[in-house]
Amino acid sequence: MDARRAVGAAWKSGDQAMLIAARAAVDEAKVALGERGPVWWTDGAPNFDRHMARTTPYADWWRTLGCVS
C-alpha cells in the first residue's frame, strides 16, 4: 500500500520521476505477491476458469448449491 500511496502522491505533485519510481515499486510488490511474473501454480490440473460450472467436472457440486443455469 505504501507504493500505491506513493503513486497518488506523485500524481498530485506532478513529479514525473517520482511517478515512475512509485509505479516501479508497485510492480515490484505485485511480482513479490505473485500477481505478476511467472506462473507458480503449474500443477498440471486442467484450468476451468473460462467455463460455466455446469459444463465442468464440478457440475454435480454446482447443482447442490441450488444455483440456477
Protein backbone atom coordinates (compact mmCIF):
# COMPACT_ATOMS: atom_id res chain seq x y z
CA MET A 1 0.00 0.00 0.00
CA ASP A 2 2.92 2.35 0.56
CA ALA A 3 3.79 2.07 -3.12
CA ARG A 4 0.18 2.76 -4.15
CA ARG A 5 0.09 5.82 -1.89
CA ALA A 6 3.35 6.98 -3.45
CA VAL A 7 1.72 6.80 -6.90
CA GLY A 8 -1.08 9.06 -5.66
CA ALA A 9 1.35 11.49 -4.12
CA ALA A 10 3.38 11.60 -7.32
CA TRP A 11 0.25 12.33 -9.36
CA LYS A 12 -0.70 15.17 -7.04
CA SER A 13 2.79 16.67 -7.09
CA GLY A 14 3.22 16.32 -10.84
CA ASP A 15 6.71 14.90 -10.32
CA GLN A 16 7.27 12.56 -13.29
CA ALA A 17 10.42 10.94 -11.86
CA MET A 18 8.61 10.24 -8.58
CA LEU A 19 5.69 8.71 -10.51
CA ILE A 20 7.98 6.39 -12.46
CA ALA A 21 9.70 5.24 -9.27
CA ALA A 22 6.39 4.71 -7.48
CA ARG A 23 4.97 2.68 -10.35
CA ALA A 24 8.12 0.55 -10.38
CA ALA A 25 7.64 -0.08 -6.65
CA VAL A 26 4.02 -1.13 -7.26
CA ASP A 27 5.16 -3.54 -9.98
CA GLU A 28 7.85 -4.97 -7.69
CA ALA A 29 5.30 -5.54 -4.93
CA LYS A 30 2.86 -7.23 -7.32
CA VAL A 31 5.57 -9.58 -8.58
CA ALA A 32 6.54 -10.42 -4.99
CA LEU A 33 2.89 -11.19 -4.19
CA GLY A 34 2.57 -13.45 -7.23
CA GLU A 35 0.13 -11.17 -9.04
CA ARG A 36 2.58 -10.65 -11.89
CA GLY A 37 5.52 -12.57 -13.22
CA PRO A 38 5.94 -16.26 -13.93
CA VAL A 39 3.11 -18.62 -13.13
CA TRP A 40 3.67 -20.51 -9.88
CA TRP A 41 0.65 -22.83 -9.92
CA THR A 42 1.73 -25.24 -12.64
CA ASP A 43 0.40 -28.40 -11.02
CA GLY A 44 -0.88 -29.82 -14.31
CA ALA A 45 -4.54 -29.63 -13.30
CA PRO A 46 -6.94 -28.56 -16.05
CA ASN A 47 -7.98 -24.91 -16.00
CA PHE A 48 -11.74 -24.34 -15.96
CA ASP A 49 -11.60 -20.57 -15.45
CA ARG A 50 -13.43 -19.74 -18.66
CA HIS A 51 -16.10 -22.42 -18.32
CA MET A 52 -19.51 -22.34 -16.72
CA ALA A 53 -19.59 -24.57 -13.63
CA ARG A 54 -22.38 -26.67 -15.13
CA THR A 55 -20.11 -27.66 -18.05
CA THR A 56 -17.20 -28.80 -15.89
CA PRO A 57 -16.49 -31.82 -13.69
CA TYR A 58 -17.87 -29.66 -10.86
CA ALA A 59 -21.41 -29.70 -12.30
CA ASP A 60 -22.82 -32.04 -9.63
CA TRP A 61 -21.41 -29.88 -6.84
CA TRP A 62 -22.77 -26.76 -8.54
CA ARG A 63 -26.28 -28.24 -8.64
CA THR A 64 -26.15 -28.99 -4.90
CA LEU A 65 -25.78 -25.25 -4.27
CA GLY A 66 -29.23 -24.66 -5.74
CA CYS A 67 -27.92 -22.24 -8.32
CA VAL A 68 -29.91 -21.74 -11.49
CA SER A 69 -28.47 -22.25 -15.01
